[in-house]
């Protein structure tokens, strides 16, 4: 076994170890009806951003803030500086969801996670609170041994077209810097990731 294979095996084991806590965090998130298209859901969007911030703090990120720009929905911006000479990776997700629609279209309460056949069903369980869960899994699996810096942006208005994201990015540009830019893709032949600047 090569050192690469051993490292991959250790990371896979770490991911398996953290998945139960990540699933618990995802359930906490989907219980919050953060429907950005509903003006009456402002409190739920604040609660959702607060829960995302709590989950990111629990991963050990030292800088976590809930921020807004020009009256927009709350976003979460979290950072861990890069080790010397390492790049910073920018991770994105959103914590807002679409309206649930007619109750009859659901087999269970859309904001109460239900497990069926090994899958989790709820509004936002996939789009895009699962995106947050993936970031949490990676951060928890690496723990303090994260080999890069990381900046996490989780916005709260993607489902309504991100009307204030441009102003948000301009206002917090200094805190969102990442790089150098790398492009990564999975390779079919080996099943591993290939990356290039």
N, C-alpha and C. Protein backbone atom coordinates (compact mmCIF):
# COMPACT_ATOMS: atom_id res chain seq x y z
N UNK A 1 0.85 -1.18 0.00
CA UNK A 1 0.00 0.00 0.00
C UNK A 1 0.89 1.24 0.00
N UNK A 2 0.58 2.17 -0.88
CA UNK A 2 1.35 3.41 -0.95
C UNK A 2 0.91 4.37 0.15
N UNK A 3 1.73 5.41 0.35
CA UNK A 3 1.38 6.44 1.34
C UNK A 3 0.10 7.15 0.94
N UNK A 4 -0.09 7.36 -0.38
CA UNK A 4 -1.32 7.99 -0.87
C UNK A 4 -2.54 7.15 -0.52
N UNK A 5 -2.44 5.84 -0.73
CA UNK A 5 -3.56 4.95 -0.43
C UNK A 5 -3.86 4.93 1.06
N UNK A 6 -2.81 4.93 1.87
CA UNK A 6 -3.00 4.93 3.32
C UNK A 6 -3.68 6.22 3.76
N UNK A 7 -3.24 7.36 3.19
CA UNK A 7 -3.86 8.64 3.53
C UNK A 7 -5.32 8.69 3.12
N UNK A 8 -5.62 8.16 1.92
CA UNK A 8 -7.00 8.13 1.45
C UNK A 8 -7.85 7.25 2.35
N UNK A 9 -7.31 6.12 2.76
CA UNK A 9 -8.03 5.22 3.67
C UNK A 9 -8.31 5.87 5.02
N UNK A 10 -7.33 6.60 5.54
CA UNK A 10 -7.52 7.29 6.81
C UNK A 10 -8.58 8.38 6.71
N UNK A 11 -8.57 9.13 5.60
CA UNK A 11 -9.57 10.17 5.40
C UNK A 11 -10.96 9.55 5.27
N UNK A 12 -11.07 8.45 4.50
CA UNK A 12 -12.37 7.77 4.36
C UNK A 12 -12.89 7.31 5.71
N UNK A 13 -12.00 6.78 6.54
CA UNK A 13 -12.41 6.34 7.88
C UNK A 13 -12.86 7.53 8.72
N UNK A 14 -12.16 8.65 8.58
CA UNK A 14 -12.55 9.86 9.33
C UNK A 14 -13.91 10.37 8.88
N UNK A 15 -14.17 10.32 7.57
CA UNK A 15 -15.48 10.74 7.06
C UNK A 15 -16.57 9.84 7.63
N UNK A 16 -16.35 8.52 7.60
CA UNK A 16 -17.35 7.59 8.17
C UNK A 16 -17.60 7.89 9.64
N UNK A 17 -16.55 8.25 10.36
CA UNK A 17 -16.67 8.54 11.79
C UNK A 17 -17.53 9.78 12.05
N UNK A 18 -17.43 10.80 11.19
CA UNK A 18 -18.15 12.05 11.45
C UNK A 18 -19.56 12.07 10.85
N UNK A 19 -19.89 11.13 9.97
CA UNK A 19 -21.19 11.17 9.30
C UNK A 19 -22.39 11.18 10.25
N UNK A 20 -22.40 10.42 11.35
CA UNK A 20 -23.57 10.52 12.24
C UNK A 20 -23.79 11.93 12.79
N UNK A 21 -22.73 12.62 13.16
CA UNK A 21 -22.90 13.99 13.68
C UNK A 21 -23.32 14.94 12.57
N UNK A 22 -22.82 14.71 11.34
CA UNK A 22 -23.21 15.56 10.21
C UNK A 22 -24.69 15.36 9.90
N UNK A 23 -25.15 14.12 9.95
CA UNK A 23 -26.56 13.83 9.70
C UNK A 23 -27.44 14.49 10.76
N UNK A 24 -26.99 14.47 12.01
CA UNK A 24 -27.73 15.14 13.09
C UNK A 24 -27.81 16.64 12.81
N UNK A 25 -26.70 17.23 12.38
CA UNK A 25 -26.70 18.66 12.05
C UNK A 25 -27.62 18.98 10.89
N UNK A 26 -27.64 18.11 9.87
CA UNK A 26 -28.54 18.30 8.74
C UNK A 26 -30.00 18.25 9.19
N UNK A 27 -30.32 17.34 10.08
CA UNK A 27 -31.69 17.27 10.60
C UNK A 27 -32.06 18.55 11.35
N UNK A 28 -31.12 19.08 12.12
CA UNK A 28 -31.38 20.35 12.82
C UNK A 28 -31.68 21.46 11.82
N UNK A 29 -30.92 21.49 10.73
CA UNK A 29 -31.11 22.54 9.73
C UNK A 29 -32.44 22.42 9.00
N UNK A 30 -32.82 21.21 8.59
CA UNK A 30 -34.04 21.09 7.79
C UNK A 30 -35.30 21.31 8.62
N UNK A 31 -35.18 21.29 9.93
CA UNK A 31 -36.35 21.59 10.77
C UNK A 31 -36.69 23.08 10.77
N UNK A 32 -35.79 23.89 10.24
CA UNK A 32 -36.01 25.35 10.21
C UNK A 32 -36.56 25.72 8.85
N UNK A 33 -37.81 26.22 8.77
CA UNK A 33 -38.43 26.55 7.48
C UNK A 33 -37.92 27.88 6.92
N UNK A 34 -36.70 27.87 6.42
CA UNK A 34 -36.02 29.08 5.95
C UNK A 34 -36.38 29.38 4.50
N UNK A 35 -37.65 29.72 4.28
CA UNK A 35 -38.17 29.98 2.94
C UNK A 35 -37.94 31.45 2.61
N UNK A 36 -36.92 31.74 1.82
CA UNK A 36 -36.56 33.14 1.54
C UNK A 36 -37.61 33.87 0.74
N UNK A 37 -38.47 33.16 0.01
CA UNK A 37 -39.52 33.81 -0.78
C UNK A 37 -40.68 34.29 0.08
N UNK A 38 -40.71 33.90 1.35
CA UNK A 38 -41.82 34.26 2.25
C UNK A 38 -41.37 35.40 3.18
N UNK A 39 -41.91 36.62 3.00
CA UNK A 39 -41.51 37.73 3.86
C UNK A 39 -41.79 37.47 5.35
N UNK A 40 -42.76 36.59 5.64
CA UNK A 40 -43.07 36.27 7.03
C UNK A 40 -42.06 35.32 7.66
N UNK A 41 -41.13 34.80 6.87
CA UNK A 41 -40.16 33.83 7.38
C UNK A 41 -38.84 34.46 7.80
N UNK A 42 -38.81 35.77 8.00
CA UNK A 42 -37.56 36.45 8.36
C UNK A 42 -36.92 35.86 9.61
N UNK A 43 -37.74 35.57 10.61
CA UNK A 43 -37.20 35.01 11.86
C UNK A 43 -36.59 33.62 11.62
N UNK A 44 -37.23 32.83 10.75
CA UNK A 44 -36.70 31.51 10.45
C UNK A 44 -35.39 31.59 9.68
N UNK A 45 -35.27 32.58 8.80
CA UNK A 45 -34.00 32.76 8.07
C UNK A 45 -32.89 33.17 9.02
N UNK A 46 -33.20 34.01 10.00
CA UNK A 46 -32.19 34.37 11.01
C UNK A 46 -31.82 33.13 11.84
N UNK A 47 -32.83 32.33 12.20
CA UNK A 47 -32.56 31.11 12.97
C UNK A 47 -31.72 30.13 12.17
N UNK A 48 -32.01 30.01 10.89
CA UNK A 48 -31.25 29.10 10.04
C UNK A 48 -29.80 29.54 9.93
N UNK A 49 -29.58 30.84 9.70
CA UNK A 49 -28.20 31.36 9.65
C UNK A 49 -27.49 31.13 10.98
N UNK A 50 -28.21 31.34 12.08
CA UNK A 50 -27.62 31.11 13.40
C UNK A 50 -27.23 29.66 13.60
N UNK A 51 -28.07 28.74 13.12
CA UNK A 51 -27.76 27.31 13.24
C UNK A 51 -26.56 26.94 12.38
N UNK A 52 -26.49 27.48 11.17
CA UNK A 52 -25.32 27.23 10.31
C UNK A 52 -24.05 27.73 11.02
N UNK A 53 -24.13 28.93 11.59
CA UNK A 53 -22.97 29.49 12.30
C UNK A 53 -22.55 28.57 13.46
N UNK A 54 -23.52 28.07 14.22
CA UNK A 54 -23.22 27.16 15.33
C UNK A 54 -22.52 25.90 14.82
N UNK A 55 -23.04 25.32 13.75
CA UNK A 55 -22.45 24.10 13.20
C UNK A 55 -21.03 24.34 12.71
N UNK A 56 -20.78 25.49 12.09
CA UNK A 56 -19.42 25.80 11.62
C UNK A 56 -18.48 26.05 12.79
N UNK A 57 -18.97 26.70 13.84
CA UNK A 57 -18.13 26.89 15.03
C UNK A 57 -17.75 25.54 15.63
N UNK A 58 -18.71 24.61 15.62
CA UNK A 58 -18.45 23.28 16.18
C UNK A 58 -17.37 22.53 15.41
N UNK A 59 -17.10 22.91 14.16
CA UNK A 59 -16.02 22.26 13.40
C UNK A 59 -14.66 22.81 13.80
N UNK A 60 -14.64 23.89 14.57
CA UNK A 60 -13.38 24.49 15.00
C UNK A 60 -12.94 25.68 14.20
N UNK A 61 -13.79 26.17 13.28
CA UNK A 61 -13.39 27.38 12.54
C UNK A 61 -13.34 28.55 13.52
N UNK A 62 -12.24 29.29 13.55
CA UNK A 62 -12.09 30.35 14.55
C UNK A 62 -12.84 31.64 14.26
N UNK A 63 -13.20 31.88 13.00
CA UNK A 63 -13.90 33.12 12.63
C UNK A 63 -15.23 32.75 11.99
N UNK A 64 -16.33 33.05 12.67
CA UNK A 64 -17.66 32.74 12.14
C UNK A 64 -18.57 33.93 12.44
N UNK A 65 -19.17 34.50 11.39
CA UNK A 65 -20.05 35.65 11.56
C UNK A 65 -21.31 35.49 10.72
N UNK A 66 -22.43 35.99 11.25
CA UNK A 66 -23.66 36.11 10.48
C UNK A 66 -23.73 37.56 10.01
N UNK A 67 -23.81 37.76 8.69
CA UNK A 67 -23.70 39.09 8.10
C UNK A 67 -24.81 39.33 7.08
N UNK A 68 -25.08 40.59 6.81
CA UNK A 68 -26.02 40.95 5.76
C UNK A 68 -25.45 42.12 4.96
N UNK A 69 -26.08 42.39 3.83
CA UNK A 69 -25.73 43.57 3.04
C UNK A 69 -27.01 44.19 2.52
N UNK A 70 -27.19 45.46 2.78
CA UNK A 70 -28.30 46.24 2.22
C UNK A 70 -29.66 45.59 2.41
N UNK A 71 -29.94 45.13 3.62
CA UNK A 71 -31.24 44.57 3.92
C UNK A 71 -31.47 43.17 3.39
N UNK A 72 -30.44 42.52 2.88
CA UNK A 72 -30.58 41.16 2.36
C UNK A 72 -30.75 40.15 3.49
N UNK A 73 -31.01 38.92 3.10
CA UNK A 73 -31.14 37.84 4.08
C UNK A 73 -29.78 37.53 4.68
N UNK A 74 -29.76 37.00 5.91
CA UNK A 74 -28.48 36.74 6.57
C UNK A 74 -27.67 35.64 5.89
N UNK A 75 -26.39 35.88 5.81
CA UNK A 75 -25.43 34.91 5.29
C UNK A 75 -24.43 34.61 6.39
N UNK A 76 -23.78 33.48 6.27
CA UNK A 76 -22.75 33.10 7.24
C UNK A 76 -21.41 33.10 6.51
N UNK A 77 -20.45 33.76 7.12
CA UNK A 77 -19.09 33.81 6.58
C UNK A 77 -18.15 33.29 7.66
N UNK A 78 -17.43 32.21 7.32
CA UNK A 78 -16.53 31.59 8.29
C UNK A 78 -15.17 31.38 7.65
N UNK A 79 -14.11 31.43 8.49
CA UNK A 79 -12.75 31.32 7.95
C UNK A 79 -11.82 30.60 8.90
N UNK A 80 -10.86 29.93 8.30
CA UNK A 80 -9.69 29.45 9.02
C UNK A 80 -8.50 29.83 8.14
N UNK A 81 -7.56 30.61 8.66
CA UNK A 81 -6.41 31.01 7.83
C UNK A 81 -5.62 29.81 7.34
N UNK A 82 -4.97 29.97 6.20
CA UNK A 82 -4.16 28.90 5.61
C UNK A 82 -2.86 28.73 6.37
N UNK A 83 -2.36 27.49 6.45
CA UNK A 83 -1.00 27.30 6.96
C UNK A 83 -0.02 28.00 6.01
N UNK A 84 1.17 28.34 6.48
CA UNK A 84 2.13 29.03 5.63
C UNK A 84 2.36 28.30 4.31
N UNK A 85 2.25 29.05 3.20
CA UNK A 85 2.49 28.50 1.88
C UNK A 85 1.33 27.72 1.27
N UNK A 86 0.25 27.53 2.02
CA UNK A 86 -0.89 26.76 1.50
C UNK A 86 -1.95 27.69 0.92
N UNK A 87 -2.74 27.21 -0.04
CA UNK A 87 -3.82 28.03 -0.60
C UNK A 87 -5.02 28.08 0.34
N UNK A 88 -5.95 28.95 0.01
CA UNK A 88 -7.22 29.03 0.73
C UNK A 88 -8.32 28.58 -0.22
N UNK A 89 -9.17 27.69 0.26
CA UNK A 89 -10.29 27.14 -0.50
C UNK A 89 -11.55 27.88 -0.11
N UNK A 90 -12.35 28.27 -1.10
CA UNK A 90 -13.63 28.93 -0.85
C UNK A 90 -14.75 27.92 -1.07
N UNK A 91 -15.57 27.69 -0.03
CA UNK A 91 -16.70 26.76 -0.10
C UNK A 91 -17.99 27.57 -0.08
N UNK A 92 -18.97 27.19 -0.90
CA UNK A 92 -20.24 27.92 -1.00
C UNK A 92 -21.41 26.96 -0.79
N UNK A 93 -22.46 27.47 -0.17
CA UNK A 93 -23.74 26.77 -0.08
C UNK A 93 -24.78 27.83 0.24
N UNK A 94 -26.05 27.42 0.32
CA UNK A 94 -27.08 28.34 0.78
C UNK A 94 -28.01 27.63 1.76
N UNK A 95 -28.53 28.39 2.71
CA UNK A 95 -29.37 27.80 3.76
C UNK A 95 -30.85 28.08 3.55
N UNK A 96 -31.21 28.83 2.52
CA UNK A 96 -32.63 29.07 2.26
C UNK A 96 -33.18 27.97 1.36
N UNK A 97 -34.50 27.81 1.42
CA UNK A 97 -35.15 26.75 0.67
C UNK A 97 -36.37 27.30 -0.07
N UNK A 98 -36.88 26.48 -0.99
CA UNK A 98 -38.12 26.79 -1.70
C UNK A 98 -39.31 26.55 -0.75
N UNK A 99 -40.47 27.16 -1.03
CA UNK A 99 -41.67 26.83 -0.26
C UNK A 99 -41.98 25.34 -0.39
N UNK A 100 -42.63 24.80 0.62
CA UNK A 100 -42.92 23.36 0.64
C UNK A 100 -43.99 22.96 -0.35
N UNK A 101 -44.87 23.88 -0.74
CA UNK A 101 -45.95 23.53 -1.65
C UNK A 101 -47.10 22.87 -0.91
N UNK A 102 -48.03 22.28 -1.65
CA UNK A 102 -49.21 21.67 -1.02
C UNK A 102 -48.84 20.53 -0.07
N UNK A 103 -49.42 20.51 1.13
CA UNK A 103 -49.10 19.43 2.08
C UNK A 103 -49.37 18.04 1.51
N UNK A 104 -50.36 17.92 0.65
CA UNK A 104 -50.68 16.61 0.08
C UNK A 104 -49.60 16.06 -0.83
N UNK A 105 -48.65 16.90 -1.24
CA UNK A 105 -47.55 16.44 -2.08
C UNK A 105 -46.46 15.75 -1.27
N UNK A 106 -46.58 15.76 0.04
CA UNK A 106 -45.56 15.19 0.93
C UNK A 106 -46.11 13.95 1.64
N UNK A 107 -45.26 12.97 1.87
CA UNK A 107 -45.66 11.80 2.66
C UNK A 107 -45.53 12.06 4.15
N UNK A 108 -44.81 13.13 4.49
CA UNK A 108 -44.62 13.51 5.90
C UNK A 108 -44.43 15.01 5.96
N UNK A 109 -44.39 15.56 7.16
CA UNK A 109 -44.18 17.00 7.36
C UNK A 109 -42.89 17.42 6.64
N UNK A 110 -42.96 18.39 5.71
CA UNK A 110 -41.76 18.75 4.95
C UNK A 110 -40.63 19.34 5.79
N UNK A 111 -40.93 19.81 7.00
CA UNK A 111 -39.88 20.37 7.85
C UNK A 111 -39.59 19.50 9.06
N UNK A 112 -39.97 18.24 8.97
CA UNK A 112 -39.58 17.26 9.98
C UNK A 112 -38.90 16.12 9.23
N UNK A 113 -37.58 15.97 9.39
CA UNK A 113 -36.85 14.98 8.61
C UNK A 113 -37.38 13.57 8.86
N UNK A 114 -37.57 12.83 7.78
CA UNK A 114 -38.05 11.46 7.86
C UNK A 114 -37.09 10.57 7.08
N UNK A 115 -36.72 9.44 7.68
CA UNK A 115 -35.84 8.49 7.01
C UNK A 115 -36.68 7.37 6.41
N UNK A 116 -36.46 7.14 5.12
CA UNK A 116 -37.14 6.05 4.43
C UNK A 116 -36.13 5.40 3.48
N UNK A 117 -35.96 4.11 3.63
CA UNK A 117 -35.05 3.40 2.74
C UNK A 117 -33.62 3.90 2.80
N UNK A 118 -33.18 4.34 3.96
CA UNK A 118 -31.81 4.83 4.11
C UNK A 118 -31.60 6.26 3.61
N UNK A 119 -32.68 6.93 3.22
CA UNK A 119 -32.58 8.31 2.74
C UNK A 119 -33.32 9.24 3.68
N UNK A 120 -32.88 10.49 3.69
CA UNK A 120 -33.50 11.51 4.52
C UNK A 120 -34.38 12.39 3.64
N UNK A 121 -35.64 12.53 4.03
CA UNK A 121 -36.59 13.34 3.28
C UNK A 121 -37.04 14.54 4.11
N UNK A 122 -36.96 15.72 3.53
CA UNK A 122 -37.45 16.97 4.12
C UNK A 122 -37.14 18.08 3.13
N UNK A 123 -37.85 19.20 3.24
CA UNK A 123 -37.54 20.36 2.39
C UNK A 123 -36.14 20.84 2.75
N UNK A 124 -35.27 20.91 1.78
CA UNK A 124 -33.89 21.36 2.01
C UNK A 124 -32.92 20.24 2.32
N UNK A 125 -33.41 19.00 2.47
CA UNK A 125 -32.49 17.90 2.81
C UNK A 125 -31.46 17.67 1.71
N UNK A 126 -31.81 18.06 0.48
CA UNK A 126 -30.85 17.98 -0.62
C UNK A 126 -30.42 19.39 -1.01
N UNK A 127 -31.33 20.20 -1.50
CA UNK A 127 -31.04 21.55 -2.01
C UNK A 127 -31.40 22.59 -0.96
N UNK A 128 -30.47 23.20 -0.27
CA UNK A 128 -29.05 22.96 -0.39
C UNK A 128 -28.46 22.76 0.99
N UNK A 129 -29.29 22.34 1.92
CA UNK A 129 -28.73 22.12 3.25
C UNK A 129 -27.80 20.91 3.26
N UNK A 130 -27.97 20.01 2.29
CA UNK A 130 -27.01 18.92 2.14
C UNK A 130 -25.64 19.46 1.72
N UNK A 131 -25.63 20.56 0.96
CA UNK A 131 -24.36 21.19 0.60
C UNK A 131 -23.61 21.67 1.83
N UNK A 132 -24.35 22.20 2.79
CA UNK A 132 -23.74 22.62 4.05
C UNK A 132 -23.19 21.39 4.78
N UNK A 133 -23.98 20.30 4.78
CA UNK A 133 -23.56 19.08 5.46
C UNK A 133 -22.28 18.51 4.86
N UNK A 134 -22.13 18.59 3.54
CA UNK A 134 -20.90 18.10 2.88
C UNK A 134 -19.70 18.90 3.37
N UNK A 135 -19.86 20.22 3.45
CA UNK A 135 -18.75 21.05 3.95
C UNK A 135 -18.42 20.70 5.40
N UNK A 136 -19.46 20.50 6.21
CA UNK A 136 -19.23 20.13 7.61
C UNK A 136 -18.49 18.80 7.70
N UNK A 137 -18.88 17.83 6.87
CA UNK A 137 -18.22 16.53 6.90
C UNK A 137 -16.73 16.66 6.57
N UNK A 138 -16.41 17.43 5.54
CA UNK A 138 -15.01 17.60 5.16
C UNK A 138 -14.22 18.29 6.27
N UNK A 139 -14.80 19.34 6.84
CA UNK A 139 -14.10 20.08 7.89
C UNK A 139 -13.91 19.23 9.14
N UNK A 140 -14.93 18.48 9.52
CA UNK A 140 -14.82 17.63 10.71
C UNK A 140 -13.85 16.47 10.47
N UNK A 141 -13.87 15.90 9.28
CA UNK A 141 -12.98 14.77 8.99
C UNK A 141 -11.52 15.19 9.06
N UNK A 142 -11.21 16.38 8.56
CA UNK A 142 -9.83 16.87 8.61
C UNK A 142 -9.46 17.41 9.98
N UNK A 143 -10.44 17.97 10.70
CA UNK A 143 -10.16 18.53 12.02
C UNK A 143 -9.08 19.58 11.98
N UNK A 144 -8.21 19.56 12.96
CA UNK A 144 -7.14 20.56 13.04
C UNK A 144 -6.03 20.30 12.02
N UNK A 145 -6.09 19.16 11.32
CA UNK A 145 -5.05 18.82 10.33
C UNK A 145 -5.42 19.31 8.93
N UNK A 146 -6.37 20.21 8.82
CA UNK A 146 -6.77 20.72 7.51
C UNK A 146 -5.54 21.30 6.81
N UNK A 147 -5.20 20.81 5.61
CA UNK A 147 -3.95 21.21 4.97
C UNK A 147 -4.02 22.54 4.22
N UNK A 148 -5.19 23.16 4.16
CA UNK A 148 -5.37 24.43 3.45
C UNK A 148 -6.13 25.39 4.34
N UNK A 149 -6.14 26.66 3.95
CA UNK A 149 -7.04 27.60 4.58
C UNK A 149 -8.43 27.38 4.00
N UNK A 150 -9.44 27.81 4.71
CA UNK A 150 -10.80 27.63 4.21
C UNK A 150 -11.63 28.87 4.53
N UNK A 151 -12.42 29.28 3.55
CA UNK A 151 -13.43 30.31 3.74
C UNK A 151 -14.75 29.68 3.32
N UNK A 152 -15.76 29.81 4.16
CA UNK A 152 -17.07 29.23 3.89
C UNK A 152 -18.09 30.37 3.80
N UNK A 153 -18.81 30.42 2.69
CA UNK A 153 -19.90 31.37 2.51
C UNK A 153 -21.19 30.59 2.34
N UNK A 154 -22.14 30.81 3.24
CA UNK A 154 -23.46 30.18 3.17
C UNK A 154 -24.48 31.30 3.13
N UNK A 155 -25.02 31.56 1.95
CA UNK A 155 -25.94 32.69 1.80
C UNK A 155 -27.39 32.27 2.10
N UNK A 156 -28.27 33.27 2.22
CA UNK A 156 -29.64 33.01 2.60
C UNK A 156 -30.68 33.47 1.60
N UNK A 157 -30.30 33.69 0.34
CA UNK A 157 -31.29 34.17 -0.62
C UNK A 157 -31.07 33.61 -2.03
N UNK A 158 -30.42 32.47 -2.14
CA UNK A 158 -30.17 31.88 -3.45
C UNK A 158 -31.48 31.51 -4.14
N UNK A 159 -32.45 31.04 -3.37
CA UNK A 159 -33.72 30.59 -3.95
C UNK A 159 -34.57 31.75 -4.48
N UNK A 160 -34.18 32.98 -4.21
CA UNK A 160 -34.89 34.14 -4.77
C UNK A 160 -33.96 34.93 -5.70
N UNK A 161 -32.92 34.26 -6.20
CA UNK A 161 -32.04 34.89 -7.17
C UNK A 161 -30.89 35.70 -6.60
N UNK A 162 -30.62 35.56 -5.31
CA UNK A 162 -29.48 36.23 -4.66
C UNK A 162 -29.44 37.73 -4.96
N UNK A 163 -30.52 38.47 -4.66
CA UNK A 163 -30.57 39.87 -5.07
C UNK A 163 -29.50 40.78 -4.46
N UNK A 164 -28.97 40.44 -3.28
CA UNK A 164 -27.96 41.31 -2.69
C UNK A 164 -26.56 40.70 -2.69
N UNK A 165 -26.38 39.57 -3.37
CA UNK A 165 -25.07 38.90 -3.29
C UNK A 165 -23.95 39.76 -3.87
N UNK A 166 -24.22 40.51 -4.92
CA UNK A 166 -23.18 41.37 -5.48
C UNK A 166 -22.68 42.39 -4.48
N UNK A 167 -23.61 43.03 -3.79
CA UNK A 167 -23.22 44.01 -2.77
C UNK A 167 -22.55 43.33 -1.57
N UNK A 168 -23.02 42.13 -1.23
CA UNK A 168 -22.39 41.37 -0.14
C UNK A 168 -20.95 41.05 -0.49
N UNK A 169 -20.72 40.55 -1.71
CA UNK A 169 -19.36 40.21 -2.13
C UNK A 169 -18.46 41.43 -2.15
N UNK A 170 -19.00 42.56 -2.59
CA UNK A 170 -18.20 43.79 -2.62
C UNK A 170 -17.85 44.23 -1.21
N UNK A 171 -18.82 44.19 -0.31
CA UNK A 171 -18.60 44.65 1.06
C UNK A 171 -17.59 43.78 1.80
N UNK A 172 -17.64 42.47 1.58
CA UNK A 172 -16.79 41.56 2.35
C UNK A 172 -15.69 40.92 1.50
N UNK A 173 -15.31 41.58 0.41
CA UNK A 173 -14.33 41.02 -0.52
C UNK A 173 -13.04 40.61 0.17
N UNK A 174 -12.56 41.41 1.08
CA UNK A 174 -11.32 41.10 1.76
C UNK A 174 -11.37 39.82 2.57
N UNK A 175 -12.55 39.48 3.07
CA UNK A 175 -12.70 38.27 3.87
C UNK A 175 -13.02 37.05 3.01
N UNK A 176 -13.31 37.28 1.73
CA UNK A 176 -13.70 36.18 0.84
C UNK A 176 -12.57 35.73 -0.07
N UNK A 177 -11.42 36.36 0.04
CA UNK A 177 -10.33 36.02 -0.86
C UNK A 177 -9.91 34.56 -0.68
N UNK A 178 -9.68 33.91 -1.80
CA UNK A 178 -9.22 32.53 -1.80
C UNK A 178 -8.22 32.39 -2.93
N UNK A 179 -7.50 31.32 -2.92
CA UNK A 179 -6.58 31.08 -4.02
C UNK A 179 -5.24 30.59 -3.52
N UNK A 180 -4.31 30.35 -4.42
CA UNK A 180 -4.49 30.52 -5.86
C UNK A 180 -5.58 29.60 -6.39
N UNK A 181 -6.16 29.97 -7.52
CA UNK A 181 -7.29 29.22 -8.08
C UNK A 181 -6.84 27.87 -8.60
N UNK A 182 -7.54 26.84 -8.17
CA UNK A 182 -7.30 25.49 -8.65
C UNK A 182 -8.60 24.96 -9.25
N UNK A 183 -8.49 24.17 -10.29
CA UNK A 183 -9.63 23.47 -10.88
C UNK A 183 -9.43 22.00 -10.62
N UNK A 184 -10.43 21.35 -10.05
CA UNK A 184 -10.30 19.92 -9.74
C UNK A 184 -11.48 19.16 -10.35
N UNK A 185 -11.21 17.94 -10.79
CA UNK A 185 -12.24 17.10 -11.39
C UNK A 185 -11.90 15.64 -11.10
N UNK A 186 -12.95 14.79 -11.00
CA UNK A 186 -12.68 13.36 -10.79
C UNK A 186 -12.25 12.70 -12.10
N UNK A 187 -11.28 11.81 -12.01
CA UNK A 187 -10.83 11.11 -13.21
C UNK A 187 -11.53 9.76 -13.29
N UNK A 188 -11.94 9.39 -14.48
CA UNK A 188 -12.65 8.12 -14.66
C UNK A 188 -11.72 6.93 -14.51
N UNK A 189 -10.50 7.09 -15.00
CA UNK A 189 -9.58 5.96 -15.03
C UNK A 189 -9.20 5.51 -13.62
N UNK A 190 -8.90 6.46 -12.74
CA UNK A 190 -8.42 6.08 -11.41
C UNK A 190 -9.46 6.33 -10.32
N UNK A 191 -10.48 7.13 -10.62
CA UNK A 191 -11.46 7.46 -9.58
C UNK A 191 -10.94 8.49 -8.58
N UNK A 192 -9.75 9.02 -8.83
CA UNK A 192 -9.17 10.03 -7.94
C UNK A 192 -9.37 11.40 -8.55
N UNK A 193 -9.07 12.43 -7.80
CA UNK A 193 -9.22 13.80 -8.27
C UNK A 193 -7.94 14.27 -8.93
N UNK A 194 -8.10 14.99 -10.02
CA UNK A 194 -6.98 15.65 -10.69
C UNK A 194 -7.19 17.15 -10.52
N UNK A 195 -6.13 17.88 -10.27
CA UNK A 195 -6.24 19.32 -10.05
C UNK A 195 -5.17 20.05 -10.85
N UNK A 196 -5.50 21.28 -11.24
CA UNK A 196 -4.58 22.10 -12.00
C UNK A 196 -4.83 23.56 -11.65
N UNK A 197 -3.78 24.35 -11.60
CA UNK A 197 -3.94 25.79 -11.39
C UNK A 197 -4.42 26.46 -12.63
